[in-house]
Amino acid sequence: MISNKIEFEYFLKGKLAENGLNISKLAEKLGTSQANISQRIKKASFDYIELSKIADMLGYDIEWIKRK
């Protein structure tokens, strides 16, 4: 579980790198600027729909699993 903005930044940048992408390429695919994406990653300010789109772009599914 990601519990703070720094962990989110490292997690997302790691997933981008695993898939041969960087922030510039992600920004291009999302139709926005590299500066905008960089700031939003640092602030962890994506909404769920945007994160779902990024996950899909990287070949991941977001799954909600009920805790026991």
PDB file of N, CA and C in Angstrom:
ATOM      1  N   MET A   1       0.839  -1.179   0.000  1.00  0.00           N
ATOM      2  CA  MET A   1       0.000   0.000   0.000  1.00  0.00           C
ATOM      3  C   MET A   1       0.886   1.245   0.000  1.00  0.00           C
ATOM      4  N   ILE A   2       0.554   2.194  -0.825  1.00  0.00           N
ATOM      5  CA  ILE A   2       1.300   3.449  -0.909  1.00  0.00           C
ATOM      6  C   ILE A   2       0.719   4.400   0.128  1.00  0.00           C
ATOM      7  N   SER A   3       1.574   4.911   1.012  1.00  0.00           N
ATOM      8  CA  SER A   3       1.051   5.711   2.122  1.00  0.00           C
ATOM      9  C   SER A   3       1.444   7.181   2.100  1.00  0.00           C
ATOM     10  N   ASN A   4       2.267   7.593   1.119  1.00  0.00           N
ATOM     11  CA  ASN A   4       2.595   9.019   1.054  1.00  0.00           C
ATOM     12  C   ASN A   4       2.987   9.405  -0.374  1.00  0.00           C
ATOM     13  N   LYS A   5       3.156  10.695  -0.589  1.00  0.00           N
ATOM     14  CA  LYS A   5       3.418  11.217  -1.934  1.00  0.00           C
ATOM     15  C   LYS A   5       4.745  10.742  -2.501  1.00  0.00           C
ATOM     16  N   ILE A   6       5.747  10.612  -1.659  1.00  0.00           N
ATOM     17  CA  ILE A   6       7.059  10.161  -2.136  1.00  0.00           C
ATOM     18  C   ILE A   6       6.972   8.708  -2.606  1.00  0.00           C
ATOM     19  N   GLU A   7       6.300   7.869  -1.850  1.00  0.00           N
ATOM     20  CA  GLU A   7       6.128   6.477  -2.262  1.00  0.00           C
ATOM     21  C   GLU A   7       5.359   6.392  -3.574  1.00  0.00           C
ATOM     22  N   PHE A   8       4.329   7.232  -3.735  1.00  0.00           N
ATOM     23  CA  PHE A   8       3.563   7.261  -4.988  1.00  0.00           C
ATOM     24  C   PHE A   8       4.468   7.645  -6.148  1.00  0.00           C
ATOM     25  N   GLU A   9       5.296   8.675  -5.954  1.00  0.00           N
ATOM     26  CA  GLU A   9       6.193   9.134  -7.014  1.00  0.00           C
ATOM     27  C   GLU A   9       7.141   8.014  -7.443  1.00  0.00           C
ATOM     28  N   TYR A  10       7.780   7.352  -6.476  1.00  0.00           N
ATOM     29  CA  TYR A  10       8.708   6.268  -6.802  1.00  0.00           C
ATOM     30  C   TYR A  10       7.985   5.095  -7.458  1.00  0.00           C
ATOM     31  N   PHE A  11       6.799   4.775  -6.958  1.00  0.00           N
ATOM     32  CA  PHE A  11       6.028   3.670  -7.522  1.00  0.00           C
ATOM     33  C   PHE A  11       5.683   3.944  -8.984  1.00  0.00           C
ATOM     34  N   LEU A  12       5.104   5.108  -9.265  1.00  0.00           N
ATOM     35  CA  LEU A  12       4.675   5.410 -10.627  1.00  0.00           C
ATOM     36  C   LEU A  12       5.864   5.533 -11.573  1.00  0.00           C
ATOM     37  N   LYS A  13       6.927   6.199 -11.149  1.00  0.00           N
ATOM     38  CA  LYS A  13       8.113   6.306 -12.003  1.00  0.00           C
ATOM     39  C   LYS A  13       8.714   4.923 -12.271  1.00  0.00           C
ATOM     40  N   GLY A  14       8.664   4.047 -11.278  1.00  0.00           N
ATOM     41  CA  GLY A  14       9.157   2.687 -11.462  1.00  0.00           C
ATOM     42  C   GLY A  14       8.334   1.919 -12.482  1.00  0.00           C
ATOM     43  N   LYS A  15       7.026   2.042 -12.395  1.00  0.00           N
ATOM     44  CA  LYS A  15       6.148   1.367 -13.352  1.00  0.00           C
ATOM     45  C   LYS A  15       6.352   1.921 -14.758  1.00  0.00           C
ATOM     46  N   LEU A  16       6.553   3.221 -14.875  1.00  0.00           N
ATOM     47  CA  LEU A  16       6.837   3.813 -16.185  1.00  0.00           C
ATOM     48  C   LEU A  16       8.127   3.222 -16.748  1.00  0.00           C
ATOM     49  N   ALA A  17       9.176   3.191 -15.930  1.00  0.00           N
ATOM     50  CA  ALA A  17      10.474   2.672 -16.372  1.00  0.00           C
ATOM     51  C   ALA A  17      10.371   1.202 -16.785  1.00  0.00           C
ATOM     52  N   GLU A  18       9.627   0.403 -16.012  1.00  0.00           N
ATOM     53  CA  GLU A  18       9.458  -1.014 -16.352  1.00  0.00           C
ATOM     54  C   GLU A  18       8.833  -1.196 -17.726  1.00  0.00           C
ATOM     55  N   ASN A  19       8.072  -0.191 -18.154  1.00  0.00           N
ATOM     56  CA  ASN A  19       7.367  -0.267 -19.433  1.00  0.00           C
ATOM     57  C   ASN A  19       8.005   0.599 -20.511  1.00  0.00           C
ATOM     58  N   GLY A  20       9.244   1.031 -20.269  1.00  0.00           N
ATOM     59  CA  GLY A  20       9.984   1.787 -21.272  1.00  0.00           C
ATOM     60  C   GLY A  20       9.462   3.195 -21.501  1.00  0.00           C
ATOM     61  N   LEU A  21       8.787   3.752 -20.513  1.00  0.00           N
ATOM     62  CA  LEU A  21       8.267   5.114 -20.624  1.00  0.00           C
ATOM     63  C   LEU A  21       8.949   6.026 -19.626  1.00  0.00           C
ATOM     64  N   ASN A  22       8.870   7.308 -19.896  1.00  0.00           N
ATOM     65  CA  ASN A  22       9.303   8.316 -18.941  1.00  0.00           C
ATOM     66  C   ASN A  22       8.186   9.343 -18.822  1.00  0.00           C
ATOM     67  N   ILE A  23       8.392  10.356 -18.022  1.00  0.00           N
ATOM     68  CA  ILE A  23       7.345  11.356 -17.792  1.00  0.00           C
ATOM     69  C   ILE A  23       6.983  12.086 -19.077  1.00  0.00           C
ATOM     70  N   SER A  24       7.960  12.381 -19.899  1.00  0.00           N
ATOM     71  CA  SER A  24       7.688  13.060 -21.174  1.00  0.00           C
ATOM     72  C   SER A  24       6.787  12.233 -22.075  1.00  0.00           C
ATOM     73  N   LYS A  25       7.078  10.938 -22.186  1.00  0.00           N
ATOM     74  CA  LYS A  25       6.255  10.062 -23.025  1.00  0.00           C
ATOM     75  C   LYS A  25       4.853   9.901 -22.447  1.00  0.00           C
ATOM     76  N   LEU A  26       4.757   9.812 -21.128  1.00  0.00           N
ATOM     77  CA  LEU A  26       3.447   9.718 -20.485  1.00  0.00           C
ATOM     78  C   LEU A  26       2.638  10.980 -20.761  1.00  0.00           C
ATOM     79  N   ALA A  27       3.266  12.134 -20.623  1.00  0.00           N
ATOM     80  CA  ALA A  27       2.587  13.404 -20.882  1.00  0.00           C
ATOM     81  C   ALA A  27       2.073  13.459 -22.314  1.00  0.00           C
ATOM     82  N   GLU A  28       2.893  13.020 -23.239  1.00  0.00           N
ATOM     83  CA  GLU A  28       2.504  13.008 -24.646  1.00  0.00           C
ATOM     84  C   GLU A  28       1.272  12.126 -24.854  1.00  0.00           C
ATOM     85  N   LYS A  29       1.279  10.935 -24.246  1.00  0.00           N
ATOM     86  CA  LYS A  29       0.153  10.014 -24.388  1.00  0.00           C
ATOM     87  C   LYS A  29      -1.122  10.565 -23.739  1.00  0.00           C
ATOM     88  N   LEU A  30      -0.959  11.372 -22.685  1.00  0.00           N
ATOM     89  CA  LEU A  30      -2.113  11.951 -22.000  1.00  0.00           C
ATOM     90  C   LEU A  30      -2.526  13.294 -22.591  1.00  0.00           C
ATOM     91  N   GLY A  31      -1.754  13.792 -23.545  1.00  0.00           N
ATOM     92  CA  GLY A  31      -2.088  15.053 -24.201  1.00  0.00           C
ATOM     93  C   GLY A  31      -1.879  16.277 -23.329  1.00  0.00           C
ATOM     94  N   THR A  32      -0.822  16.249 -22.530  1.00  0.00           N
ATOM     95  CA  THR A  32      -0.517  17.378 -21.655  1.00  0.00           C
ATOM     96  C   THR A  32       0.991  17.594 -21.633  1.00  0.00           C
ATOM     97  N   SER A  33       1.439  18.545 -20.837  1.00  0.00           N
ATOM     98  CA  SER A  33       2.868  18.865 -20.805  1.00  0.00           C
ATOM     99  C   SER A  33       3.619  18.019 -19.788  1.00  0.00           C
ATOM    100  N   GLN A  34       4.913  17.895 -20.027  1.00  0.00           N
ATOM    101  CA  GLN A  34       5.788  17.159 -19.113  1.00  0.00           C
ATOM    102  C   GLN A  34       5.803  17.841 -17.745  1.00  0.00           C
ATOM    103  N   ALA A  35       5.824  19.171 -17.728  1.00  0.00           N
ATOM    104  CA  ALA A  35       5.846  19.917 -16.464  1.00  0.00           C
ATOM    105  C   ALA A  35       4.580  19.643 -15.650  1.00  0.00           C
ATOM    106  N   ASN A  36       3.445  19.588 -16.332  1.00  0.00           N
ATOM    107  CA  ASN A  36       2.177  19.320 -15.655  1.00  0.00           C
ATOM    108  C   ASN A  36       2.191  17.936 -15.016  1.00  0.00           C
ATOM    109  N   ILE A  37       2.611  16.939 -15.760  1.00  0.00           N
ATOM    110  CA  ILE A  37       2.650  15.571 -15.231  1.00  0.00           C
ATOM    111  C   ILE A  37       3.651  15.465 -14.083  1.00  0.00           C
ATOM    112  N   SER A  38       4.813  16.083 -14.222  1.00  0.00           N
ATOM    113  CA  SER A  38       5.817  16.045 -13.147  1.00  0.00           C
ATOM    114  C   SER A  38       5.259  16.605 -11.846  1.00  0.00           C
ATOM    115  N   GLN A  39       4.588  17.742 -11.937  1.00  0.00           N
ATOM    116  CA  GLN A  39       4.013  18.359 -10.732  1.00  0.00           C
ATOM    117  C   GLN A  39       2.911  17.486 -10.136  1.00  0.00           C
ATOM    118  N   ARG A  40       2.093  16.912 -10.997  1.00  0.00           N
ATOM    119  CA  ARG A  40       0.988  16.080 -10.509  1.00  0.00           C
ATOM    120  C   ARG A  40       1.499  14.799  -9.876  1.00  0.00           C
ATOM    121  N   ILE A  41       2.595  14.262 -10.393  1.00  0.00           N
ATOM    122  CA  ILE A  41       3.195  13.078  -9.770  1.00  0.00           C
ATOM    123  C   ILE A  41       3.738  13.458  -8.396  1.00  0.00           C
ATOM    124  N   LYS A  42       4.466  14.566  -8.301  1.00  0.00           N
ATOM    125  CA  LYS A  42       5.029  14.995  -7.015  1.00  0.00           C
ATOM    126  C   LYS A  42       3.937  15.269  -5.984  1.00  0.00           C
ATOM    127  N   LYS A  43       2.811  15.817  -6.431  1.00  0.00           N
ATOM    128  CA  LYS A  43       1.698  16.141  -5.520  1.00  0.00           C
ATOM    129  C   LYS A  43       0.721  14.981  -5.348  1.00  0.00           C
ATOM    130  N   ALA A  44       0.913  13.912  -6.125  1.00  0.00           N
ATOM    131  CA  ALA A  44      -0.012  12.771  -6.123  1.00  0.00           C
ATOM    132  C   ALA A  44      -1.440  13.263  -6.337  1.00  0.00           C
ATOM    133  N   SER A  45      -1.622  14.084  -7.371  1.00  0.00           N
ATOM    134  CA  SER A  45      -2.914  14.739  -7.573  1.00  0.00           C
ATOM    135  C   SER A  45      -3.691  14.238  -8.787  1.00  0.00           C
ATOM    136  N   PHE A  46      -3.631  12.937  -9.040  1.00  0.00           N
ATOM    137  CA  PHE A  46      -4.425  12.331 -10.104  1.00  0.00           C
ATOM    138  C   PHE A  46      -5.739  11.846  -9.514  1.00  0.00           C
ATOM    139  N   ASP A  47      -6.808  11.921 -10.305  1.00  0.00           N
ATOM    140  CA  ASP A  47      -8.049  11.325  -9.834  1.00  0.00           C
ATOM    141  C   ASP A  47      -8.092   9.856 -10.269  1.00  0.00           C
ATOM    142  N   TYR A  48      -9.082   9.142  -9.794  1.00  0.00           N
ATOM    143  CA  TYR A  48      -9.163   7.704 -10.045  1.00  0.00           C
ATOM    144  C   TYR A  48      -9.250   7.387 -11.535  1.00  0.00           C
ATOM    145  N   ILE A  49     -10.018   8.164 -12.274  1.00  0.00           N
ATOM    146  CA  ILE A  49     -10.173   7.918 -13.706  1.00  0.00           C
ATOM    147  C   ILE A  49      -8.834   8.075 -14.422  1.00  0.00           C
ATOM    148  N   GLU A  50      -8.072   9.100 -14.060  1.00  0.00           N
ATOM    149  CA  GLU A  50      -6.751   9.305 -14.671  1.00  0.00           C
ATOM    150  C   GLU A  50      -5.804   8.166 -14.328  1.00  0.00           C
ATOM    151  N   LEU A  51      -5.813   7.733 -13.071  1.00  0.00           N
ATOM    152  CA  LEU A  51      -4.951   6.612 -12.677  1.00  0.00           C
ATOM    153  C   LEU A  51      -5.359   5.328 -13.387  1.00  0.00           C
ATOM    154  N   SER A  52      -6.655   5.128 -13.580  1.00  0.00           N
ATOM    155  CA  SER A  52      -7.126   3.963 -14.319  1.00  0.00           C
ATOM    156  C   SER A  52      -6.628   3.999 -15.755  1.00  0.00           C
ATOM    157  N   LYS A  53      -6.654   5.182 -16.353  1.00  0.00           N
ATOM    158  CA  LYS A  53      -6.178   5.345 -17.730  1.00  0.00           C
ATOM    159  C   LYS A  53      -4.676   5.058 -17.818  1.00  0.00           C
ATOM    160  N   ILE A  54      -3.911   5.560 -16.861  1.00  0.00           N
ATOM    161  CA  ILE A  54      -2.461   5.319 -16.840  1.00  0.00           C
ATOM    162  C   ILE A  54      -2.193   3.830 -16.638  1.00  0.00           C
ATOM    163  N   ALA A  55      -2.898   3.204 -15.694  1.00  0.00           N
ATOM    164  CA  ALA A  55      -2.722   1.773 -15.448  1.00  0.00           C
ATOM    165  C   ALA A  55      -3.026   0.973 -16.711  1.00  0.00           C
ATOM    166  N   ASP A  56      -4.106   1.310 -17.384  1.00  0.00           N
ATOM    167  CA  ASP A  56      -4.476   0.618 -18.620  1.00  0.00           C
ATOM    168  C   ASP A  56      -3.397   0.794 -19.677  1.00  0.00           C
ATOM    169  N   MET A  57      -2.873   2.002 -19.786  1.00  0.00           N
ATOM    170  CA  MET A  57      -1.818   2.311 -20.756  1.00  0.00           C
ATOM    171  C   MET A  57      -0.574   1.447 -20.506  1.00  0.00           C
ATOM    172  N   LEU A  58      -0.327   1.141 -19.231  1.00  0.00           N
ATOM    173  CA  LEU A  58       0.843   0.349 -18.851  1.00  0.00           C
ATOM    174  C   LEU A  58       0.554  -1.150 -18.799  1.00  0.00           C
ATOM    175  N   GLY A  59      -0.692  -1.522 -19.083  1.00  0.00           N
ATOM    176  CA  GLY A  59      -1.051  -2.930 -19.096  1.00  0.00           C
ATOM    177  C   GLY A  59      -1.446  -3.500 -17.744  1.00  0.00           C
ATOM    178  N   TYR A  60      -1.905  -2.648 -16.834  1.00  0.00           N
ATOM    179  CA  TYR A  60      -2.316  -3.086 -15.503  1.00  0.00           C
ATOM    180  C   TYR A  60      -3.809  -2.879 -15.312  1.00  0.00           C
ATOM    181  N   ASP A  61      -4.383  -3.671 -14.403  1.00  0.00           N
ATOM    182  CA  ASP A  61      -5.748  -3.481 -13.940  1.00  0.00           C
ATOM    183  C   ASP A  61      -5.680  -3.025 -12.497  1.00  0.00           C
ATOM    184  N   ILE A  62      -6.586  -2.158 -12.123  1.00  0.00           N
ATOM    185  CA  ILE A  62      -6.721  -1.767 -10.711  1.00  0.00           C
ATOM    186  C   ILE A  62      -7.862  -2.609 -10.159  1.00  0.00           C
ATOM    187  N   GLU A  63      -7.589  -3.312  -9.076  1.00  0.00           N
ATOM    188  CA  GLU A  63      -8.581  -4.225  -8.514  1.00  0.00           C
ATOM    189  C   GLU A  63      -8.833  -3.877  -7.055  1.00  0.00           C
ATOM    190  N   TRP A  64     -10.088  -3.823  -6.681  1.00  0.00           N
ATOM    191  CA  TRP A  64     -10.466  -3.579  -5.295  1.00  0.00           C
ATOM    192  C   TRP A  64     -10.771  -4.929  -4.659  1.00  0.00           C
ATOM    193  N   ILE A  65     -10.062  -5.235  -3.580  1.00  0.00           N
ATOM    194  CA  ILE A  65     -10.238  -6.514  -2.913  1.00  0.00           C
ATOM    195  C   ILE A  65     -10.673  -6.244  -1.467  1.00  0.00           C
ATOM    196  N   LYS A  66     -11.805  -6.810  -1.091  1.00  0.00           N
ATOM    197  CA  LYS A  66     -12.342  -6.637   0.265  1.00  0.00           C
ATOM    198  C   LYS A  66     -11.416  -7.305   1.270  1.00  0.00           C
ATOM    199  N   ARG A  67     -11.065  -6.562   2.314  1.00  0.00           N
ATOM    200  CA  ARG A  67     -10.233  -7.110   3.385  1.00  0.00           C
ATOM    201  C   ARG A  67     -11.031  -8.089   4.218  1.00  0.00           C
ATOM    202  N   LYS A  68     -10.330  -9.043   4.772  1.00  0.00           N
ATOM    203  CA  LYS A  68     -10.997 -10.043   5.618  1.00  0.00           C
ATOM    204  C   LYS A  68     -10.998  -9.605   7.062  1.00  0.00           C
TER     205      LYS A  68
END
